[in-house]
Amino acid sequence: MKTPDKVKSIEYIASCPGTTLREWNALMANTTKANGSKIRKLIKERFPDLYYDLALNFPNPYEYKSVKKKGLLVYNHSGIEFFFKIKT
């Protein structure tokens, strides 16, 4: 599965600090490398407040750690994962 450019719906689930270790492990299980720049573009399009709160208009050295699995995109910013449930 490629990192999607467009999605039918996207829902912000949580960030790493807002999850328990058990929830984090379940969300991260079976993930594969994702294209962080595509996820960033989806965040800009669908969650502009989050985009500007995280200052994603500036380079993010952690973006390469973003991952995905069916129905989930995980964007990494400053070592913190942001979880998004998606429908393609």
C-alpha atoms as a PDB file:
ATOM      1  CA  MET A   1       0.000   0.000   0.000  1.00  0.00           C
ATOM      2  CA  LYS A   2       1.360   3.386  -1.004  1.00  0.00           C
ATOM      3  CA  THR A   3       0.856   6.455   1.136  1.00  0.00           C
ATOM      4  CA  PRO A   4      -2.380   7.926  -0.250  1.00  0.00           C
ATOM      5  CA  ASP A   5      -2.412  11.392  -1.846  1.00  0.00           C
ATOM      6  CA  LYS A   6      -6.151  11.755  -1.372  1.00  0.00           C
ATOM      7  CA  VAL A   7      -8.518  10.226   1.142  1.00  0.00           C
ATOM      8  CA  LYS A   8     -12.309  10.155   1.462  1.00  0.00           C
ATOM      9  CA  SER A   9     -12.148  10.923   5.158  1.00  0.00           C
ATOM     10  CA  ILE A  10      -9.480  11.474   7.768  1.00  0.00           C
ATOM     11  CA  GLU A  11      -9.965  11.622  11.515  1.00  0.00           C
ATOM     12  CA  TYR A  12      -7.409  12.701  14.098  1.00  0.00           C
ATOM     13  CA  ILE A  13      -7.241   9.979  16.762  1.00  0.00           C
ATOM     14  CA  ALA A  14      -4.538  11.081  19.196  1.00  0.00           C
ATOM     15  CA  SER A  15      -0.911  11.952  19.648  1.00  0.00           C
ATOM     16  CA  CYS A  16       1.622   9.745  21.378  1.00  0.00           C
ATOM     17  CA  PRO A  17       1.387  11.572  24.745  1.00  0.00           C
ATOM     18  CA  GLY A  18      -2.392  11.069  24.688  1.00  0.00           C
ATOM     19  CA  THR A  19      -2.182   7.268  24.468  1.00  0.00           C
ATOM     20  CA  THR A  20      -1.214   4.507  26.844  1.00  0.00           C
ATOM     21  CA  LEU A  21       1.691   2.239  26.008  1.00  0.00           C
ATOM     22  CA  ARG A  22      -0.740  -0.560  25.179  1.00  0.00           C
ATOM     23  CA  GLU A  23      -2.719   1.710  22.783  1.00  0.00           C
ATOM     24  CA  TRP A  24       0.505   2.983  21.205  1.00  0.00           C
ATOM     25  CA  ASN A  25       1.755  -0.576  20.629  1.00  0.00           C
ATOM     26  CA  ALA A  26      -1.572  -1.571  19.049  1.00  0.00           C
ATOM     27  CA  LEU A  27      -1.568   1.466  16.759  1.00  0.00           C
ATOM     28  CA  MET A  28       2.062   0.991  15.722  1.00  0.00           C
ATOM     29  CA  ALA A  29       1.820  -2.790  15.184  1.00  0.00           C
ATOM     30  CA  ASN A  30       2.425  -3.919  11.590  1.00  0.00           C
ATOM     31  CA  THR A  31       3.154  -0.430  10.260  1.00  0.00           C
ATOM     32  CA  THR A  32       5.423   0.216   7.309  1.00  0.00           C
ATOM     33  CA  LYS A  33       7.352   3.244   6.166  1.00  0.00           C
ATOM     34  CA  ALA A  34       5.191   6.087   4.818  1.00  0.00           C
ATOM     35  CA  ASN A  35       5.785   9.212   2.786  1.00  0.00           C
ATOM     36  CA  GLY A  36       5.746  11.908   5.470  1.00  0.00           C
ATOM     37  CA  SER A  37       5.411  14.765   2.988  1.00  0.00           C
ATOM     38  CA  LYS A  38       2.159  13.287   1.644  1.00  0.00           C
ATOM     39  CA  ILE A  39       0.801  12.981   5.177  1.00  0.00           C
ATOM     40  CA  ARG A  40       1.879  16.571   5.897  1.00  0.00           C
ATOM     41  CA  LYS A  41      -0.058  17.753   2.826  1.00  0.00           C
ATOM     42  CA  LEU A  42      -3.169  15.913   4.041  1.00  0.00           C
ATOM     43  CA  ILE A  43      -2.778  17.557   7.461  1.00  0.00           C
ATOM     44  CA  LYS A  44      -2.475  20.978   5.817  1.00  0.00           C
ATOM     45  CA  GLU A  45      -5.598  20.334   3.738  1.00  0.00           C
ATOM     46  CA  ARG A  46      -7.804  18.778   6.438  1.00  0.00           C
ATOM     47  CA  PHE A  47      -6.359  20.104   9.728  1.00  0.00           C
ATOM     48  CA  PRO A  48      -4.970  23.601   9.060  1.00  0.00           C
ATOM     49  CA  ASP A  49      -4.941  24.538  12.761  1.00  0.00           C
ATOM     50  CA  LEU A  50      -2.794  21.506  13.619  1.00  0.00           C
ATOM     51  CA  TYR A  51      -0.581  22.241  10.616  1.00  0.00           C
ATOM     52  CA  TYR A  52       0.187  25.739  11.858  1.00  0.00           C
ATOM     53  CA  ASP A  53       0.334  24.757  15.563  1.00  0.00           C
ATOM     54  CA  LEU A  54       3.086  22.274  14.706  1.00  0.00           C
ATOM     55  CA  ALA A  55       4.747  24.790  12.350  1.00  0.00           C
ATOM     56  CA  LEU A  56       4.760  22.226   9.539  1.00  0.00           C
ATOM     57  CA  ASN A  57       5.512  25.010   7.075  1.00  0.00           C
ATOM     58  CA  PHE A  58       9.110  24.652   8.342  1.00  0.00           C
ATOM     59  CA  PRO A  59      11.355  21.605   7.815  1.00  0.00           C
ATOM     60  CA  ASN A  60      10.628  18.648  10.092  1.00  0.00           C
ATOM     61  CA  PRO A  61      13.697  16.421  10.606  1.00  0.00           C
ATOM     62  CA  TYR A  62      11.512  13.607  12.014  1.00  0.00           C
ATOM     63  CA  GLU A  63       9.114  13.382   9.057  1.00  0.00           C
ATOM     64  CA  TYR A  64      11.013  10.422   7.590  1.00  0.00           C
ATOM     65  CA  LYS A  65       9.893   8.325  10.607  1.00  0.00           C
ATOM     66  CA  SER A  66       6.220   8.522   9.534  1.00  0.00           C
ATOM     67  CA  VAL A  67       4.504   5.155   9.046  1.00  0.00           C
ATOM     68  CA  LYS A  68       1.241   3.691   7.781  1.00  0.00           C
ATOM     69  CA  LYS A  69      -0.974   0.644   7.764  1.00  0.00           C
ATOM     70  CA  LYS A  70      -4.399  -0.061   6.367  1.00  0.00           C
ATOM     71  CA  GLY A  71      -6.765   2.587   7.693  1.00  0.00           C
ATOM     72  CA  LEU A  72      -4.080   4.473   9.638  1.00  0.00           C
ATOM     73  CA  LEU A  73      -1.469   7.127   8.956  1.00  0.00           C
ATOM     74  CA  VAL A  74       1.090   8.077  11.590  1.00  0.00           C
ATOM     75  CA  TYR A  75       2.914  11.384  11.176  1.00  0.00           C
ATOM     76  CA  ASN A  76       6.060  11.848  13.251  1.00  0.00           C
ATOM     77  CA  HIS A  77       6.943  15.358  14.402  1.00  0.00           C
ATOM     78  CA  SER A  78       9.704  16.043  16.912  1.00  0.00           C
ATOM     79  CA  GLY A  79       9.669  12.411  17.981  1.00  0.00           C
ATOM     80  CA  ILE A  80       5.924  12.496  18.700  1.00  0.00           C
ATOM     81  CA  GLU A  81       3.533  10.396  16.641  1.00  0.00           C
ATOM     82  CA  PHE A  82       0.197  11.820  15.482  1.00  0.00           C
ATOM     83  CA  PHE A  83      -2.369   9.151  14.573  1.00  0.00           C
ATOM     84  CA  PHE A  84      -4.950   9.608  11.811  1.00  0.00           C
ATOM     85  CA  LYS A  85      -7.691   7.130  10.897  1.00  0.00           C
ATOM     86  CA  ILE A  86      -8.361   7.219   7.158  1.00  0.00           C
ATOM     87  CA  LYS A  87     -10.751   5.897   4.534  1.00  0.00           C
ATOM     88  CA  THR A  88      -9.454   5.775   0.972  1.00  0.00           C
END
